[in-house]
């Protein structure tokens, strides 16, 4: 039994990280022999963000009206993720980055079968270590940790490779009506937001039930 799960997210979205961790636990809870293929789809929460990013405190204060309100929102995600193995360290984050390079690197990693470990590294790097995931050197280091060639990553990011493909994928999602993340497409179900592990598990089980002996009755 093999089910494809499409995950649309951005790596500076805390709810995307929470949702991804819950999805991982849901997959782990499936019966032995279950196969889940995760397809990552790009979405930029801040498509007009300067390439160098912006000071996080200033950016968030302007976006939400005050730094204090921004901190309240951050604490809301910390509380929501108490049981999701997420070690948020917002104090370590100095910058809100432009994530287009990160999505391009995901495109490269996918071609080498390394999209999932890179996604994990990007989320952890930003939210748990405060790394600037809009910086090419940081991305090269994270890529190297998951099995990509560091020099190849730097050359890739300095080129135009993957730009058209990522933009086209983003445009296709916008045309399909996707306006927020995270979004999980599991079988016939589209699940918006960081829903519970139980909700994700039920969707996975339903999708697997519709695909038995290599024959799918849905989707």
N, C-alpha and C. Protein backbone atom coordinates (compact mmCIF):
# COMPACT_ATOMS: atom_id res chain seq x y z
N UNK A 1 0.84 -1.19 0.00
CA UNK A 1 0.00 0.00 0.00
C UNK A 1 0.88 1.24 0.00
N UNK A 2 0.69 2.10 -0.97
CA UNK A 2 1.48 3.33 -1.06
C UNK A 2 0.57 4.50 -1.31
N UNK A 3 0.72 5.54 -0.51
CA UNK A 3 -0.09 6.74 -0.63
C UNK A 3 0.83 7.93 -0.83
N UNK A 4 0.45 8.83 -1.72
CA UNK A 4 1.20 10.05 -1.93
C UNK A 4 0.54 11.19 -1.15
N UNK A 5 1.36 11.89 -0.39
CA UNK A 5 0.89 13.04 0.37
C UNK A 5 1.58 14.28 -0.17
N UNK A 6 0.80 15.25 -0.61
CA UNK A 6 1.36 16.52 -1.08
C UNK A 6 1.32 17.52 0.07
N UNK A 7 2.48 18.07 0.39
CA UNK A 7 2.60 19.02 1.48
C UNK A 7 2.99 20.38 0.91
N UNK A 8 2.13 21.36 1.06
CA UNK A 8 2.43 22.72 0.62
C UNK A 8 2.76 23.54 1.86
N UNK A 9 3.95 24.14 1.87
CA UNK A 9 4.37 24.85 3.08
C UNK A 9 5.45 25.87 2.77
N UNK A 10 5.75 26.68 3.79
CA UNK A 10 6.89 27.58 3.74
C UNK A 10 7.70 27.36 5.00
N UNK A 11 9.02 27.52 4.90
CA UNK A 11 9.91 27.14 5.99
C UNK A 11 10.02 28.18 7.09
N UNK A 12 9.30 29.29 6.95
CA UNK A 12 9.25 30.26 8.04
C UNK A 12 7.86 30.29 8.68
N UNK A 13 7.07 29.27 8.38
CA UNK A 13 5.72 29.14 8.94
C UNK A 13 5.77 28.17 10.11
N UNK A 14 5.57 28.65 11.34
CA UNK A 14 5.65 27.73 12.49
C UNK A 14 4.58 26.65 12.46
N UNK A 15 3.41 26.98 11.93
CA UNK A 15 2.35 25.97 11.86
C UNK A 15 2.68 24.90 10.83
N UNK A 16 3.48 25.25 9.83
CA UNK A 16 3.93 24.24 8.86
C UNK A 16 4.86 23.25 9.54
N UNK A 17 5.74 23.75 10.41
CA UNK A 17 6.64 22.86 11.14
C UNK A 17 5.83 21.96 12.08
N UNK A 18 4.88 22.53 12.81
CA UNK A 18 4.06 21.73 13.71
C UNK A 18 3.29 20.67 12.92
N UNK A 19 2.71 21.08 11.80
CA UNK A 19 1.96 20.14 10.98
C UNK A 19 2.84 19.04 10.42
N UNK A 20 4.06 19.39 10.03
CA UNK A 20 4.99 18.39 9.48
C UNK A 20 5.37 17.37 10.54
N UNK A 21 5.61 17.83 11.78
CA UNK A 21 5.96 16.90 12.85
C UNK A 21 4.78 15.98 13.18
N UNK A 22 3.57 16.52 13.14
CA UNK A 22 2.39 15.69 13.39
C UNK A 22 2.18 14.68 12.27
N UNK A 23 2.45 15.10 11.04
CA UNK A 23 2.34 14.17 9.91
C UNK A 23 3.34 13.03 10.07
N UNK A 24 4.57 13.36 10.48
CA UNK A 24 5.59 12.34 10.67
C UNK A 24 5.14 11.31 11.71
N UNK A 25 4.55 11.78 12.80
CA UNK A 25 4.06 10.86 13.83
C UNK A 25 2.90 10.03 13.31
N UNK A 26 2.04 10.64 12.51
CA UNK A 26 0.91 9.91 11.93
C UNK A 26 1.41 8.79 11.03
N UNK A 27 2.43 9.08 10.25
CA UNK A 27 3.00 8.06 9.36
C UNK A 27 3.62 6.94 10.17
N UNK A 28 4.31 7.29 11.25
CA UNK A 28 4.94 6.28 12.11
C UNK A 28 3.91 5.35 12.74
N UNK A 29 2.69 5.83 12.92
CA UNK A 29 1.65 5.03 13.58
C UNK A 29 0.97 4.04 12.64
N UNK A 30 1.26 4.11 11.35
CA UNK A 30 0.62 3.23 10.38
C UNK A 30 1.15 1.81 10.50
N UNK A 31 0.40 0.83 10.04
CA UNK A 31 0.85 -0.56 10.12
C UNK A 31 2.15 -0.78 9.36
N UNK A 32 2.89 -1.77 9.80
CA UNK A 32 4.14 -2.13 9.12
C UNK A 32 3.86 -2.44 7.65
N UNK A 33 4.75 -1.97 6.79
CA UNK A 33 4.59 -2.20 5.36
C UNK A 33 3.89 -1.07 4.64
N UNK A 34 3.32 -0.12 5.40
CA UNK A 34 2.67 1.02 4.77
C UNK A 34 3.72 1.93 4.15
N UNK A 35 3.44 2.45 2.97
CA UNK A 35 4.38 3.35 2.28
C UNK A 35 3.71 4.70 2.03
N UNK A 36 4.41 5.75 2.40
CA UNK A 36 3.91 7.10 2.18
C UNK A 36 4.98 7.90 1.45
N UNK A 37 4.62 8.41 0.30
CA UNK A 37 5.53 9.23 -0.49
C UNK A 37 5.13 10.69 -0.31
N UNK A 38 6.02 11.49 0.27
CA UNK A 38 5.72 12.89 0.52
C UNK A 38 6.28 13.75 -0.61
N UNK A 39 5.42 14.56 -1.19
CA UNK A 39 5.80 15.49 -2.25
C UNK A 39 5.69 16.91 -1.69
N UNK A 40 6.81 17.62 -1.66
CA UNK A 40 6.82 18.98 -1.12
C UNK A 40 6.54 20.00 -2.21
N UNK A 41 5.62 20.91 -1.93
CA UNK A 41 5.24 21.94 -2.89
C UNK A 41 5.56 23.32 -2.30
N UNK A 42 6.12 24.23 -3.12
CA UNK A 42 6.59 25.52 -2.60
C UNK A 42 5.50 26.56 -2.44
N UNK A 43 5.62 27.32 -1.36
CA UNK A 43 4.72 28.44 -1.10
C UNK A 43 5.51 29.49 -0.34
N UNK A 44 5.44 30.73 -0.78
CA UNK A 44 6.14 31.81 -0.10
C UNK A 44 5.14 32.70 0.63
N UNK A 45 5.26 32.76 1.94
CA UNK A 45 4.40 33.64 2.73
C UNK A 45 4.71 35.11 2.43
N UNK A 46 5.97 35.38 2.10
CA UNK A 46 6.40 36.76 1.83
C UNK A 46 7.10 36.82 0.46
N UNK A 47 6.36 36.70 -0.63
CA UNK A 47 6.99 36.66 -1.95
C UNK A 47 7.71 37.95 -2.34
N UNK A 48 7.38 39.07 -1.67
CA UNK A 48 8.04 40.34 -1.98
C UNK A 48 9.15 40.67 -0.99
N UNK A 49 9.49 39.72 -0.13
CA UNK A 49 10.56 39.94 0.84
C UNK A 49 11.87 40.23 0.11
N UNK A 50 12.64 41.26 0.54
CA UNK A 50 13.95 41.49 -0.08
C UNK A 50 14.80 40.23 -0.02
N UNK A 51 15.64 40.05 -1.01
CA UNK A 51 16.45 38.83 -1.08
C UNK A 51 17.29 38.64 0.18
N UNK A 52 17.76 39.72 0.76
CA UNK A 52 18.59 39.63 1.96
C UNK A 52 17.77 39.46 3.23
N UNK A 53 16.44 39.49 3.13
CA UNK A 53 15.60 39.37 4.30
C UNK A 53 15.50 40.68 5.06
N UNK A 54 14.79 40.64 6.21
CA UNK A 54 14.62 41.82 7.04
C UNK A 54 14.82 41.48 8.51
N UNK A 55 15.20 42.46 9.28
CA UNK A 55 15.29 42.29 10.73
C UNK A 55 13.94 41.79 11.24
N UNK A 56 13.96 40.67 11.93
CA UNK A 56 12.70 40.02 12.32
C UNK A 56 11.86 40.90 13.25
N UNK A 57 12.50 41.49 14.23
CA UNK A 57 11.74 42.30 15.18
C UNK A 57 11.03 43.45 14.48
N UNK A 58 11.74 44.17 13.63
CA UNK A 58 11.13 45.30 12.93
C UNK A 58 10.03 44.83 11.99
N UNK A 59 10.32 43.76 11.25
CA UNK A 59 9.36 43.24 10.29
C UNK A 59 8.08 42.80 10.98
N UNK A 60 8.22 42.02 12.05
CA UNK A 60 7.05 41.49 12.74
C UNK A 60 6.27 42.60 13.47
N UNK A 61 6.97 43.57 14.02
CA UNK A 61 6.28 44.68 14.68
C UNK A 61 5.44 45.45 13.68
N UNK A 62 5.98 45.68 12.50
CA UNK A 62 5.24 46.39 11.46
C UNK A 62 4.06 45.55 10.95
N UNK A 63 4.29 44.26 10.81
CA UNK A 63 3.26 43.38 10.26
C UNK A 63 2.09 43.20 11.22
N UNK A 64 2.40 43.06 12.51
CA UNK A 64 1.35 42.74 13.48
C UNK A 64 0.97 43.90 14.41
N UNK A 65 1.57 45.06 14.19
CA UNK A 65 1.19 46.22 14.97
C UNK A 65 2.07 46.51 16.15
N UNK A 66 2.71 45.48 16.71
CA UNK A 66 3.64 45.69 17.82
C UNK A 66 4.48 44.44 18.01
N UNK A 67 5.66 44.62 18.58
CA UNK A 67 6.53 43.49 18.87
C UNK A 67 5.92 42.62 19.96
N UNK A 68 5.23 43.25 20.91
CA UNK A 68 4.62 42.51 22.00
C UNK A 68 3.55 41.54 21.46
N UNK A 69 2.76 42.00 20.50
CA UNK A 69 1.74 41.12 19.92
C UNK A 69 2.39 39.99 19.14
N UNK A 70 3.48 40.30 18.44
CA UNK A 70 4.21 39.26 17.72
C UNK A 70 4.71 38.19 18.68
N UNK A 71 5.25 38.63 19.82
CA UNK A 71 5.74 37.67 20.82
C UNK A 71 4.60 36.82 21.37
N UNK A 72 3.42 37.41 21.52
CA UNK A 72 2.27 36.65 21.98
C UNK A 72 1.90 35.56 20.98
N UNK A 73 1.96 35.90 19.70
CA UNK A 73 1.69 34.90 18.66
C UNK A 73 2.73 33.78 18.70
N UNK A 74 3.99 34.15 18.89
CA UNK A 74 5.05 33.14 18.99
C UNK A 74 4.79 32.19 20.15
N UNK A 75 4.42 32.74 21.28
CA UNK A 75 4.16 31.90 22.44
C UNK A 75 2.96 30.98 22.21
N UNK A 76 2.04 31.44 21.38
CA UNK A 76 0.90 30.59 21.04
C UNK A 76 1.34 29.33 20.30
N UNK A 77 2.32 29.48 19.41
CA UNK A 77 2.80 28.30 18.69
C UNK A 77 3.62 27.40 19.61
N UNK A 78 4.37 27.99 20.54
CA UNK A 78 5.13 27.19 21.49
C UNK A 78 4.18 26.32 22.32
N UNK A 79 3.11 26.92 22.80
CA UNK A 79 2.13 26.18 23.60
C UNK A 79 1.45 25.09 22.77
N UNK A 80 1.10 25.44 21.53
CA UNK A 80 0.41 24.48 20.66
C UNK A 80 1.27 23.26 20.36
N UNK A 81 2.59 23.45 20.36
CA UNK A 81 3.52 22.38 19.98
C UNK A 81 4.14 21.67 21.17
N UNK A 82 3.53 21.81 22.34
CA UNK A 82 4.10 21.22 23.56
C UNK A 82 4.35 19.72 23.44
N UNK A 83 3.54 19.03 22.66
CA UNK A 83 3.65 17.57 22.55
C UNK A 83 4.08 17.14 21.15
N UNK A 84 4.70 18.04 20.42
CA UNK A 84 5.04 17.75 19.03
C UNK A 84 6.54 17.72 18.74
N UNK A 85 7.35 17.65 19.78
CA UNK A 85 8.80 17.55 19.60
C UNK A 85 9.37 18.73 18.82
N UNK A 86 8.86 19.91 19.08
CA UNK A 86 9.37 21.13 18.45
C UNK A 86 10.03 21.99 19.53
N UNK A 87 11.30 22.32 19.33
CA UNK A 87 12.02 23.15 20.31
C UNK A 87 12.19 24.56 19.75
N UNK A 88 11.09 25.31 19.68
CA UNK A 88 11.16 26.66 19.15
C UNK A 88 12.17 27.49 19.96
N UNK A 89 12.99 28.26 19.25
CA UNK A 89 13.90 29.20 19.91
C UNK A 89 13.80 30.53 19.17
N UNK A 90 12.70 31.24 19.41
CA UNK A 90 12.47 32.49 18.71
C UNK A 90 13.51 33.55 19.06
N UNK A 91 14.07 33.48 20.26
CA UNK A 91 15.08 34.46 20.65
C UNK A 91 16.34 34.38 19.78
N UNK A 92 16.56 33.22 19.18
CA UNK A 92 17.75 33.02 18.35
C UNK A 92 17.57 33.54 16.93
N UNK A 93 16.34 33.88 16.55
CA UNK A 93 16.06 34.30 15.17
C UNK A 93 16.20 35.81 15.04
N UNK A 94 17.19 36.23 14.29
CA UNK A 94 17.41 37.66 14.08
C UNK A 94 16.73 38.19 12.83
N UNK A 95 16.51 37.32 11.87
CA UNK A 95 16.06 37.79 10.55
C UNK A 95 14.89 36.97 10.05
N UNK A 96 13.96 37.64 9.37
CA UNK A 96 12.94 36.95 8.59
C UNK A 96 13.49 36.86 7.16
N UNK A 97 13.80 35.67 6.71
CA UNK A 97 14.48 35.54 5.42
C UNK A 97 13.53 35.47 4.23
N UNK A 98 14.10 35.69 3.07
CA UNK A 98 13.44 35.36 1.81
C UNK A 98 13.64 33.86 1.61
N UNK A 99 12.56 33.12 1.37
CA UNK A 99 12.68 31.65 1.31
C UNK A 99 12.74 31.08 -0.10
N UNK A 100 12.86 31.94 -1.11
CA UNK A 100 12.86 31.41 -2.48
C UNK A 100 14.05 30.49 -2.72
N UNK A 101 15.23 30.85 -2.22
CA UNK A 101 16.40 29.97 -2.40
C UNK A 101 16.19 28.63 -1.71
N UNK A 102 15.56 28.66 -0.56
CA UNK A 102 15.30 27.40 0.16
C UNK A 102 14.39 26.50 -0.67
N UNK A 103 13.37 27.08 -1.30
CA UNK A 103 12.48 26.28 -2.15
C UNK A 103 13.22 25.78 -3.39
N UNK A 104 14.11 26.59 -3.92
CA UNK A 104 14.91 26.12 -5.06
C UNK A 104 15.80 24.95 -4.64
N UNK A 105 16.38 25.05 -3.45
CA UNK A 105 17.23 23.95 -2.98
C UNK A 105 16.40 22.69 -2.78
N UNK A 106 15.16 22.85 -2.33
CA UNK A 106 14.27 21.69 -2.22
C UNK A 106 14.05 21.05 -3.58
N UNK A 107 13.93 21.86 -4.61
CA UNK A 107 13.77 21.34 -5.98
C UNK A 107 14.98 20.49 -6.36
N UNK A 108 16.17 20.98 -6.03
CA UNK A 108 17.39 20.22 -6.32
C UNK A 108 17.44 18.95 -5.48
N UNK A 109 17.13 19.06 -4.21
CA UNK A 109 17.19 17.90 -3.31
C UNK A 109 16.21 16.82 -3.74
N UNK A 110 15.05 17.23 -4.24
CA UNK A 110 14.05 16.26 -4.69
C UNK A 110 14.59 15.39 -5.81
N UNK A 111 15.39 15.96 -6.68
CA UNK A 111 15.96 15.20 -7.78
C UNK A 111 16.94 14.14 -7.29
N UNK A 112 17.44 14.31 -6.07
CA UNK A 112 18.40 13.35 -5.51
C UNK A 112 17.79 12.52 -4.38
N UNK A 113 16.46 12.59 -4.25
CA UNK A 113 15.78 11.82 -3.23
C UNK A 113 16.02 12.30 -1.82
N UNK A 114 16.34 13.60 -1.66
CA UNK A 114 16.70 14.14 -0.35
C UNK A 114 15.77 15.27 0.10
N UNK A 115 14.60 15.37 -0.50
CA UNK A 115 13.70 16.47 -0.15
C UNK A 115 13.24 16.40 1.30
N UNK A 116 12.87 15.21 1.77
CA UNK A 116 12.36 15.10 3.13
C UNK A 116 13.41 15.48 4.18
N UNK A 117 14.62 14.91 4.13
CA UNK A 117 15.61 15.33 5.13
C UNK A 117 15.99 16.80 5.03
N UNK A 118 15.96 17.36 3.82
CA UNK A 118 16.27 18.78 3.69
C UNK A 118 15.16 19.62 4.31
N UNK A 119 13.91 19.24 4.08
CA UNK A 119 12.80 19.98 4.69
C UNK A 119 12.95 19.98 6.21
N UNK A 120 13.28 18.83 6.77
CA UNK A 120 13.48 18.74 8.22
C UNK A 120 14.60 19.66 8.67
N UNK A 121 15.68 19.69 7.89
CA UNK A 121 16.84 20.52 8.24
C UNK A 121 16.53 22.00 8.14
N UNK A 122 15.74 22.39 7.15
CA UNK A 122 15.38 23.79 6.98
C UNK A 122 14.49 24.27 8.12
N UNK A 123 13.48 23.48 8.46
CA UNK A 123 12.60 23.84 9.57
C UNK A 123 13.38 23.96 10.87
N UNK A 124 14.18 22.93 11.16
CA UNK A 124 14.94 22.93 12.41
C UNK A 124 15.98 24.04 12.42
N UNK A 125 16.61 24.26 11.28
CA UNK A 125 17.63 25.30 11.20
C UNK A 125 17.07 26.67 11.52
N UNK A 126 15.88 26.96 11.00
CA UNK A 126 15.30 28.28 11.23
C UNK A 126 14.69 28.40 12.62
N UNK A 127 13.78 27.49 12.95
CA UNK A 127 13.00 27.66 14.19
C UNK A 127 13.71 27.19 15.45
N UNK A 128 14.62 26.26 15.33
CA UNK A 128 15.26 25.70 16.52
C UNK A 128 16.71 26.16 16.70
N UNK A 129 17.29 26.71 15.61
CA UNK A 129 18.67 27.18 15.69
C UNK A 129 18.84 28.64 15.31
N UNK A 130 17.79 29.25 14.75
CA UNK A 130 17.85 30.65 14.39
C UNK A 130 18.72 30.95 13.18
N UNK A 131 18.90 29.97 12.29
CA UNK A 131 19.75 30.17 11.12
C UNK A 131 19.03 30.99 10.04
N UNK A 132 19.81 31.72 9.27
CA UNK A 132 19.28 32.51 8.15
C UNK A 132 19.17 31.61 6.94
N UNK A 133 18.01 31.02 6.72
CA UNK A 133 17.85 30.08 5.62
C UNK A 133 17.62 30.77 4.28
N UNK A 134 17.87 32.06 4.24
CA UNK A 134 17.88 32.77 2.96
C UNK A 134 19.30 32.98 2.47
N UNK A 135 20.28 32.60 3.28
CA UNK A 135 21.69 32.80 2.97
C UNK A 135 22.25 31.56 2.28
N UNK A 136 22.93 31.76 1.16
CA UNK A 136 23.43 30.63 0.37
C UNK A 136 24.40 29.76 1.14
N UNK A 137 25.29 30.37 1.94
CA UNK A 137 26.26 29.59 2.70
C UNK A 137 25.57 28.71 3.73
N UNK A 138 24.55 29.25 4.39
CA UNK A 138 23.78 28.47 5.36
C UNK A 138 23.06 27.32 4.66
N UNK A 139 22.47 27.61 3.53
CA UNK A 139 21.77 26.57 2.77
C UNK A 139 22.73 25.48 2.31
N UNK A 140 23.93 25.87 1.90
CA UNK A 140 24.93 24.89 1.47
C UNK A 140 25.32 23.99 2.63
N UNK A 141 25.45 24.58 3.82
CA UNK A 141 25.81 23.78 5.00
C UNK A 141 24.69 22.80 5.35
N UNK A 142 23.45 23.26 5.33
CA UNK A 142 22.33 22.38 5.62
C UNK A 142 22.21 21.29 4.55
N UNK A 143 22.43 21.68 3.30
CA UNK A 143 22.38 20.70 2.23
C UNK A 143 23.43 19.62 2.39
N UNK A 144 24.63 20.04 2.77
CA UNK A 144 25.72 19.08 2.97
C UNK A 144 25.38 18.09 4.08
N UNK A 145 24.72 18.56 5.13
CA UNK A 145 24.37 17.69 6.25
C UNK A 145 23.41 16.58 5.86
N UNK A 146 22.60 16.82 4.82
CA UNK A 146 21.63 15.80 4.43
C UNK A 146 22.09 14.99 3.22
N UNK A 147 23.29 15.28 2.72
CA UNK A 147 23.84 14.46 1.64
C UNK A 147 24.06 15.15 0.32
N UNK A 148 23.76 16.44 0.22
CA UNK A 148 24.05 17.17 -1.01
C UNK A 148 25.51 17.60 -1.02
N UNK A 149 26.02 17.85 -2.20
CA UNK A 149 27.39 18.33 -2.32
C UNK A 149 27.43 19.83 -2.09
N UNK A 150 28.23 20.26 -1.10
CA UNK A 150 28.26 21.67 -0.71
C UNK A 150 28.62 22.59 -1.89
N UNK A 151 29.67 22.23 -2.63
CA UNK A 151 30.11 23.06 -3.76
C UNK A 151 29.03 23.11 -4.84
N UNK A 152 28.38 21.98 -5.07
CA UNK A 152 27.32 21.93 -6.07
C UNK A 152 26.16 22.84 -5.67
N UNK A 153 25.83 22.85 -4.39
CA UNK A 153 24.74 23.70 -3.91
C UNK A 153 25.06 25.17 -4.14
N UNK A 154 26.28 25.58 -3.82
CA UNK A 154 26.67 26.98 -3.99
C UNK A 154 26.62 27.39 -5.46
N UNK A 155 27.09 26.53 -6.35
CA UNK A 155 27.03 26.83 -7.78
C UNK A 155 25.58 26.91 -8.24
N UNK A 156 24.77 25.97 -7.76
CA UNK A 156 23.36 25.93 -8.13
C UNK A 156 22.65 27.21 -7.71
N UNK A 157 22.85 27.63 -6.46
CA UNK A 157 22.15 28.80 -5.95
C UNK A 157 22.60 30.09 -6.62
N UNK A 158 23.82 30.10 -7.14
CA UNK A 158 24.33 31.28 -7.84
C UNK A 158 23.85 31.33 -9.28
N UNK A 159 23.22 30.24 -9.73
CA UNK A 159 22.74 30.17 -11.11
C UNK A 159 21.25 30.48 -11.17
N UNK A 160 20.68 30.27 -12.34
CA UNK A 160 19.23 30.45 -12.52
C UNK A 160 18.49 29.12 -12.50
N UNK A 161 19.20 28.03 -12.24
CA UNK A 161 18.57 26.72 -12.24
C UNK A 161 17.46 26.62 -11.20
N UNK A 162 16.38 26.02 -11.60
CA UNK A 162 15.28 25.79 -10.68
C UNK A 162 14.35 26.97 -10.48
N UNK A 163 14.78 28.16 -10.89
CA UNK A 163 13.93 29.34 -10.66
C UNK A 163 12.60 29.22 -11.39
N UNK A 164 12.67 28.90 -12.66
CA UNK A 164 11.45 28.81 -13.46
C UNK A 164 10.53 27.71 -12.96
N UNK A 165 11.12 26.58 -12.57
CA UNK A 165 10.32 25.45 -12.11
C UNK A 165 9.61 25.77 -10.80
N UNK A 166 10.31 26.42 -9.88
CA UNK A 166 9.70 26.77 -8.59
C UNK A 166 8.61 27.81 -8.79
N UNK A 167 8.88 28.82 -9.61
CA UNK A 167 7.87 29.84 -9.87
C UNK A 167 6.62 29.22 -10.51
N UNK A 168 6.84 28.30 -11.43
CA UNK A 168 5.72 27.66 -12.10
C UNK A 168 4.89 26.84 -11.11
N UNK A 169 5.56 26.17 -10.20
CA UNK A 169 4.85 25.38 -9.18
C UNK A 169 4.06 26.29 -8.25
N UNK A 170 4.66 27.41 -7.87
CA UNK A 170 3.94 28.37 -7.02
C UNK A 170 2.72 28.94 -7.74
N UNK A 171 2.90 29.29 -9.00
CA UNK A 171 1.80 29.86 -9.78
C UNK A 171 0.65 28.85 -9.94
N UNK A 172 1.01 27.59 -10.14
CA UNK A 172 -0.01 26.55 -10.31
C UNK A 172 -0.84 26.40 -9.04
N UNK A 173 -0.18 26.48 -7.89
CA UNK A 173 -0.90 26.38 -6.63
C UNK A 173 -1.81 27.59 -6.41
N UNK A 174 -1.31 28.77 -6.76
CA UNK A 174 -2.14 29.97 -6.65
C UNK A 174 -3.35 29.86 -7.55
N UNK A 175 -3.14 29.39 -8.78
CA UNK A 175 -4.25 29.21 -9.73
C UNK A 175 -5.26 28.19 -9.21
N UNK A 176 -4.77 27.23 -8.40
CA UNK A 176 -5.65 26.20 -7.84
C UNK A 176 -6.37 26.68 -6.59
N UNK A 177 -6.11 27.93 -6.20
CA UNK A 177 -6.82 28.50 -5.07
C UNK A 177 -6.12 28.38 -3.73
N UNK A 178 -4.86 27.93 -3.73
CA UNK A 178 -4.13 27.81 -2.47
C UNK A 178 -3.69 29.21 -2.03
N UNK A 179 -4.11 29.61 -0.83
CA UNK A 179 -3.78 30.95 -0.35
C UNK A 179 -3.13 30.95 1.03
N UNK A 180 -2.96 29.78 1.62
CA UNK A 180 -2.35 29.70 2.94
C UNK A 180 -1.76 28.33 3.18
N UNK A 181 -0.91 28.24 4.18
CA UNK A 181 -0.23 27.00 4.51
C UNK A 181 -0.21 26.80 6.02
N UNK A 182 -0.06 25.53 6.47
CA UNK A 182 0.21 24.32 5.68
C UNK A 182 -1.05 23.77 5.03
N UNK A 183 -0.83 23.03 3.94
CA UNK A 183 -1.91 22.32 3.27
C UNK A 183 -1.43 20.90 2.99
N UNK A 184 -2.23 19.93 3.42
CA UNK A 184 -1.90 18.52 3.20
C UNK A 184 -2.95 17.91 2.29
N UNK A 185 -2.51 17.34 1.19
CA UNK A 185 -3.42 16.65 0.28
C UNK A 185 -3.15 15.15 0.41
N UNK A 186 -4.11 14.47 1.04
CA UNK A 186 -3.98 13.05 1.34
C UNK A 186 -5.15 12.32 0.70
N UNK A 187 -4.89 11.57 -0.36
CA UNK A 187 -5.99 10.94 -1.08
C UNK A 187 -6.92 12.01 -1.60
N UNK A 188 -8.20 11.88 -1.29
CA UNK A 188 -9.18 12.87 -1.75
C UNK A 188 -9.34 14.02 -0.77
N UNK A 189 -8.65 13.96 0.35
CA UNK A 189 -8.83 14.98 1.37
C UNK A 189 -7.79 16.09 1.27
N UNK A 190 -8.26 17.32 1.43
CA UNK A 190 -7.37 18.48 1.55
C UNK A 190 -7.51 19.01 2.96
N UNK A 191 -6.43 18.95 3.70
CA UNK A 191 -6.46 19.34 5.11
C UNK A 191 -5.65 20.61 5.29
N UNK A 192 -6.32 21.67 5.68
CA UNK A 192 -5.67 22.97 5.86
C UNK A 192 -5.31 23.18 7.32
N UNK A 193 -4.14 23.73 7.54
CA UNK A 193 -3.71 24.04 8.89
C UNK A 193 -3.04 22.87 9.58
N UNK A 194 -2.46 23.16 10.75
CA UNK A 194 -1.78 22.13 11.53
C UNK A 194 -2.81 21.36 12.34
N UNK A 195 -3.50 20.45 11.68
CA UNK A 195 -4.52 19.65 12.35
C UNK A 195 -3.86 18.60 13.24
N UNK A 196 -4.67 17.93 14.03
CA UNK A 196 -4.14 16.96 14.99
C UNK A 196 -3.54 15.74 14.30
N UNK A 197 -2.68 15.05 15.05
CA UNK A 197 -2.12 13.81 14.54
C UNK A 197 -3.23 12.82 14.21
N UNK A 198 -4.27 12.78 15.04
CA UNK A 198 -5.37 11.86 14.81
C UNK A 198 -6.07 12.14 13.49
N UNK A 199 -6.24 13.42 13.17
CA UNK A 199 -6.89 13.79 11.90
C UNK A 199 -6.05 13.34 10.71
N UNK A 200 -4.75 13.56 10.81
CA UNK A 200 -3.85 13.16 9.73
C UNK A 200 -3.78 11.64 9.60
N UNK A 201 -3.77 10.95 10.73
CA UNK A 201 -3.74 9.48 10.71
C UNK A 201 -4.99 8.93 10.04
N UNK A 202 -6.14 9.49 10.39
CA UNK A 202 -7.40 9.03 9.80
C UNK A 202 -7.42 9.24 8.30
N UNK A 203 -6.88 10.37 7.85
CA UNK A 203 -6.83 10.64 6.41
C UNK A 203 -5.91 9.66 5.70
N UNK A 204 -4.77 9.36 6.32
CA UNK A 204 -3.83 8.39 5.74
C UNK A 204 -4.48 7.00 5.66
N UNK A 205 -5.16 6.61 6.72
CA UNK A 205 -5.80 5.30 6.74
C UNK A 205 -6.89 5.20 5.68
N UNK A 206 -7.64 6.28 5.51
CA UNK A 206 -8.70 6.29 4.49
C UNK A 206 -8.11 6.19 3.10
N UNK A 207 -7.01 6.90 2.87
CA UNK A 207 -6.36 6.85 1.56
C UNK A 207 -5.81 5.46 1.29
N UNK A 208 -5.25 4.84 2.30
CA UNK A 208 -4.69 3.49 2.12
C UNK A 208 -5.79 2.46 1.90
N UNK A 209 -6.92 2.66 2.56
CA UNK A 209 -8.03 1.73 2.38
C UNK A 209 -8.57 1.76 0.96
N UNK A 210 -8.39 2.89 0.27
CA UNK A 210 -8.88 3.02 -1.10
C UNK A 210 -7.87 2.50 -2.12
N UNK A 211 -6.67 2.14 -1.66
CA UNK A 211 -5.62 1.64 -2.55
C UNK A 211 -5.12 0.29 -2.03
N UNK A 212 -5.78 -0.76 -2.44
CA UNK A 212 -5.42 -2.10 -2.02
C UNK A 212 -4.98 -2.92 -3.25
N UNK A 213 -3.94 -3.70 -3.07
CA UNK A 213 -3.46 -4.61 -4.13
C UNK A 213 -3.18 -3.86 -5.43
N UNK A 214 -2.65 -2.64 -5.28
CA UNK A 214 -2.24 -1.89 -6.45
C UNK A 214 -3.38 -1.24 -7.20
N UNK A 215 -4.58 -1.26 -6.61
CA UNK A 215 -5.74 -0.70 -7.30
C UNK A 215 -6.38 0.36 -6.42
N UNK A 216 -6.55 1.58 -6.94
CA UNK A 216 -7.12 2.66 -6.17
C UNK A 216 -8.57 2.89 -6.59
N UNK A 217 -9.43 3.04 -5.58
CA UNK A 217 -10.84 3.30 -5.87
C UNK A 217 -11.19 4.76 -5.74
N UNK A 218 -10.21 5.58 -5.32
CA UNK A 218 -10.42 7.01 -5.19
C UNK A 218 -9.21 7.74 -5.78
N UNK A 219 -9.42 9.02 -6.06
CA UNK A 219 -8.30 9.89 -6.41
C UNK A 219 -7.69 9.61 -7.75
